[in-house]
């Protein structure tokens, strides 16, 4: 049996650092965000259906993420409807890749894998996991991290946070919480302790 550990957390909470730590300790990680990027790249299976739904978001056979964001979140006919349309395209494709990842882990007799999914609780993905770990940091640190990114601003951050579950609710539903607001060394130590328990 492969144990499945769900990894989630809001934007800027340190999920990428946590994923890297799991990988360094030889735990396979399914990265949902990276999968979405691949699906929307040249030759990706999401390109054609996104082009049909949002023609202005695809150029030269590639989904232009900024154009897609504008098409979805600035849709005059309703942001929510446009977002649902996009999710109906992307979510099943990501789930198919996740199933392939898990099947490969079972064939290789991996004892533990991680599903790194930002919207794990929002999409009820915790049902597919044996346990869920949430990465968390104080709001001030989260904001500073995110606003330091290129092409990010306060309005865009507010829009993202509105679509994500509040951190306190994630923490309440988690089996374990990794606090990333102190230091990377402290976060790694907590992850290693979690790995020992899971194994």
Protein backbone atom coordinates (compact mmCIF):
# COMPACT_ATOMS: atom_id res chain seq x y z
CA UNK A 1 0.00 0.00 0.00
CA UNK A 2 1.18 3.48 -0.86
CA UNK A 3 0.51 6.06 1.84
CA UNK A 4 -0.73 9.32 0.33
CA UNK A 5 0.11 12.56 2.11
CA UNK A 6 -1.73 15.66 0.96
CA UNK A 7 0.26 18.89 1.08
CA UNK A 8 -1.57 22.19 0.87
CA UNK A 9 -1.47 25.81 1.95
CA UNK A 10 -2.31 29.27 0.74
CA UNK A 11 -0.22 31.30 -1.67
CA UNK A 12 3.11 32.35 -0.17
CA UNK A 13 2.89 29.94 2.76
CA UNK A 14 6.01 27.94 1.84
CA UNK A 15 4.54 24.94 0.05
CA UNK A 16 7.26 24.86 -2.62
CA UNK A 17 9.97 24.72 0.04
CA UNK A 18 8.14 21.90 1.80
CA UNK A 19 7.80 19.97 -1.48
CA UNK A 20 11.51 20.37 -2.14
CA UNK A 21 12.28 18.95 1.29
CA UNK A 22 10.14 15.87 0.65
CA UNK A 23 11.88 15.33 -2.70
CA UNK A 24 15.32 15.64 -1.12
CA UNK A 25 14.32 12.78 1.16
CA UNK A 26 13.29 10.61 -1.77
CA UNK A 27 9.52 11.03 -1.45
CA UNK A 28 7.84 11.33 -4.87
CA UNK A 29 5.78 14.53 -5.15
CA UNK A 30 2.89 15.19 -7.51
CA UNK A 31 2.91 18.94 -8.17
CA UNK A 32 -0.55 20.05 -9.30
CA UNK A 33 0.63 23.54 -10.28
CA UNK A 34 3.46 22.17 -12.44
CA UNK A 35 0.99 19.76 -14.02
CA UNK A 36 -1.32 22.64 -14.96
CA UNK A 37 1.63 24.47 -16.54
CA UNK A 38 2.51 21.38 -18.59
CA UNK A 39 -1.09 20.89 -19.71
CA UNK A 40 -1.20 24.49 -20.91
CA UNK A 41 2.20 24.43 -22.64
CA UNK A 42 2.80 23.63 -26.32
CA UNK A 43 1.25 20.24 -27.06
CA UNK A 44 -0.53 20.14 -23.69
CA UNK A 45 -3.93 18.50 -23.53
CA UNK A 46 -5.60 21.59 -22.05
CA UNK A 47 -4.61 23.91 -24.91
CA UNK A 48 -7.34 22.96 -27.41
CA UNK A 49 -10.30 23.02 -24.98
CA UNK A 50 -9.09 26.29 -23.44
CA UNK A 51 -8.75 27.78 -26.94
CA UNK A 52 -12.35 26.78 -27.64
CA UNK A 53 -13.62 28.33 -24.41
CA UNK A 54 -11.31 31.35 -24.21
CA UNK A 55 -9.95 32.06 -27.73
CA UNK A 56 -7.98 35.16 -26.72
CA UNK A 57 -6.01 33.18 -24.11
CA UNK A 58 -4.16 30.93 -26.59
CA UNK A 59 -1.43 32.12 -28.92
CA UNK A 60 0.76 29.96 -31.17
CA UNK A 61 -0.51 26.79 -29.52
CA UNK A 62 0.31 27.89 -25.97
CA UNK A 63 -1.96 29.16 -23.20
CA UNK A 64 -0.79 32.64 -22.20
CA UNK A 65 -1.45 32.64 -18.47
CA UNK A 66 -1.89 36.40 -18.09
CA UNK A 67 -4.33 36.46 -21.02
CA UNK A 68 -6.22 33.52 -19.51
CA UNK A 69 -6.38 35.28 -16.15
CA UNK A 70 -7.85 38.36 -17.82
CA UNK A 71 -10.32 36.28 -19.81
CA UNK A 72 -11.56 34.51 -16.69
CA UNK A 73 -11.44 37.18 -14.00
CA UNK A 74 -12.46 40.10 -16.17
CA UNK A 75 -15.30 38.30 -17.96
CA UNK A 76 -18.15 40.83 -18.25
CA UNK A 77 -20.69 37.98 -18.28
CA UNK A 78 -19.64 36.68 -14.89
CA UNK A 79 -16.34 35.79 -13.32
CA UNK A 80 -17.78 32.84 -11.44
CA UNK A 81 -19.24 31.24 -14.58
CA UNK A 82 -15.97 31.72 -16.47
CA UNK A 83 -13.97 30.21 -13.61
CA UNK A 84 -16.28 27.19 -13.45
CA UNK A 85 -15.86 26.73 -17.21
CA UNK A 86 -12.07 26.74 -16.84
CA UNK A 87 -12.18 24.36 -13.88
CA UNK A 88 -14.34 21.89 -15.84
CA UNK A 89 -11.56 21.79 -18.43
CA UNK A 90 -8.50 21.69 -16.20
CA UNK A 91 -9.49 19.71 -13.10
CA UNK A 92 -10.29 16.39 -14.85
CA UNK A 93 -7.00 16.57 -16.77
CA UNK A 94 -5.02 17.18 -13.58
CA UNK A 95 -6.83 14.30 -11.86
CA UNK A 96 -5.92 11.99 -14.75
CA UNK A 97 -2.24 12.91 -14.34
CA UNK A 98 -2.53 12.36 -10.59
CA UNK A 99 -3.93 8.86 -11.16
CA UNK A 100 -1.01 8.08 -13.48
CA UNK A 101 1.41 9.31 -10.81
CA UNK A 102 -0.19 7.11 -8.13
CA UNK A 103 -0.27 4.07 -10.42
CA UNK A 104 3.45 4.49 -11.11
CA UNK A 105 4.14 4.79 -7.37
CA UNK A 106 2.25 1.56 -6.71
CA UNK A 107 4.17 -0.27 -9.46
CA UNK A 108 7.46 0.91 -7.93
CA UNK A 109 6.25 -0.05 -4.43
CA UNK A 110 6.81 3.43 -3.04
CA UNK A 111 5.85 3.50 0.65
CA UNK A 112 4.89 7.19 0.67
CA UNK A 113 3.98 9.88 -1.88
CA UNK A 114 2.93 13.52 -1.58
CA UNK A 115 0.12 15.23 -3.47
CA UNK A 116 1.05 18.92 -3.58
CA UNK A 117 -2.31 20.56 -4.35
CA UNK A 118 -3.00 24.22 -3.49
CA UNK A 119 -6.80 23.82 -3.51
CA UNK A 120 -6.84 20.39 -1.86
CA UNK A 121 -9.66 21.12 0.60
CA UNK A 122 -11.55 23.35 -1.83
CA UNK A 123 -11.76 20.44 -4.32
CA UNK A 124 -12.33 17.79 -1.61
CA UNK A 125 -9.00 16.20 -2.46
CA UNK A 126 -8.41 15.26 1.17
CA UNK A 127 -10.67 12.25 0.55
CA UNK A 128 -7.88 10.76 -1.59
CA UNK A 129 -5.26 11.17 1.15
CA UNK A 130 -4.31 9.18 4.22
CA UNK A 131 -3.30 12.41 5.96
CA UNK A 132 -3.06 16.10 5.14
CA UNK A 133 -0.30 18.52 6.13
CA UNK A 134 -0.85 22.27 5.87
CA UNK A 135 1.97 24.78 5.57
CA UNK A 136 1.24 28.02 7.37
CA UNK A 137 2.86 31.39 8.08
CA UNK A 138 1.67 34.64 9.66
CA UNK A 139 -0.30 36.91 7.28
CA UNK A 140 2.41 39.60 7.31
CA UNK A 141 5.04 37.11 6.13
CA UNK A 142 2.66 35.65 3.55
CA UNK A 143 1.94 39.10 2.09
CA UNK A 144 5.61 40.08 2.02
CA UNK A 145 6.56 36.87 0.19
CA UNK A 146 3.82 37.16 -2.40
CA UNK A 147 4.16 40.88 -3.09
CA UNK A 148 7.89 40.36 -3.73
CA UNK A 149 7.00 38.24 -6.77
CA UNK A 150 7.16 39.75 -10.26
CA UNK A 151 3.83 40.87 -11.74
CA UNK A 152 2.12 40.73 -8.35
CA UNK A 153 0.24 43.55 -6.68
CA UNK A 154 -2.14 44.03 -3.74
CA UNK A 155 -5.30 43.81 -5.87
CA UNK A 156 -4.23 40.56 -7.50
CA UNK A 157 -3.21 39.09 -4.14
CA UNK A 158 -6.61 40.03 -2.69
CA UNK A 159 -8.34 38.31 -5.62
CA UNK A 160 -6.29 35.13 -5.08
CA UNK A 161 -6.90 35.05 -1.34
CA UNK A 162 -10.64 35.47 -1.92
CA UNK A 163 -10.69 32.19 -3.87
CA UNK A 164 -8.66 30.28 -1.28
CA UNK A 165 -9.79 28.80 2.00
CA UNK A 166 -8.70 30.93 4.99
CA UNK A 167 -5.55 29.66 6.68
CA UNK A 168 -7.27 29.14 10.03
CA UNK A 169 -9.81 26.78 8.42
CA UNK A 170 -7.07 24.82 6.67
CA UNK A 171 -5.16 24.43 9.91
CA UNK A 172 -8.31 23.28 11.71
CA UNK A 173 -8.81 20.48 9.15
CA UNK A 174 -5.16 19.39 8.92
CA UNK A 175 -3.64 16.28 10.43
CA UNK A 176 -0.38 18.21 10.82
CA UNK A 177 0.69 21.84 10.42
CA UNK A 178 4.16 22.94 9.31
CA UNK A 179 4.90 26.50 10.42
CA UNK A 180 7.12 28.18 7.85
CA UNK A 181 7.33 31.65 9.37
CA UNK A 182 10.32 30.95 11.61
CA UNK A 183 13.20 29.54 9.55
CA UNK A 184 13.79 26.98 6.83
CA UNK A 185 15.77 24.89 9.29
CA UNK A 186 12.79 24.73 11.68
CA UNK A 187 10.41 23.86 8.83
CA UNK A 188 12.71 21.07 7.60
CA UNK A 189 13.02 19.66 11.10
CA UNK A 190 9.23 19.48 11.41
CA UNK A 191 8.92 17.82 8.00
CA UNK A 192 11.53 15.19 8.92
CA UNK A 193 9.65 14.43 12.14
CA UNK A 194 6.46 14.05 10.10
CA UNK A 195 8.22 11.69 7.67
CA UNK A 196 9.37 9.50 10.54
CA UNK A 197 5.80 9.24 11.81
CA UNK A 198 4.36 8.50 8.35
CA UNK A 199 6.93 5.80 7.66
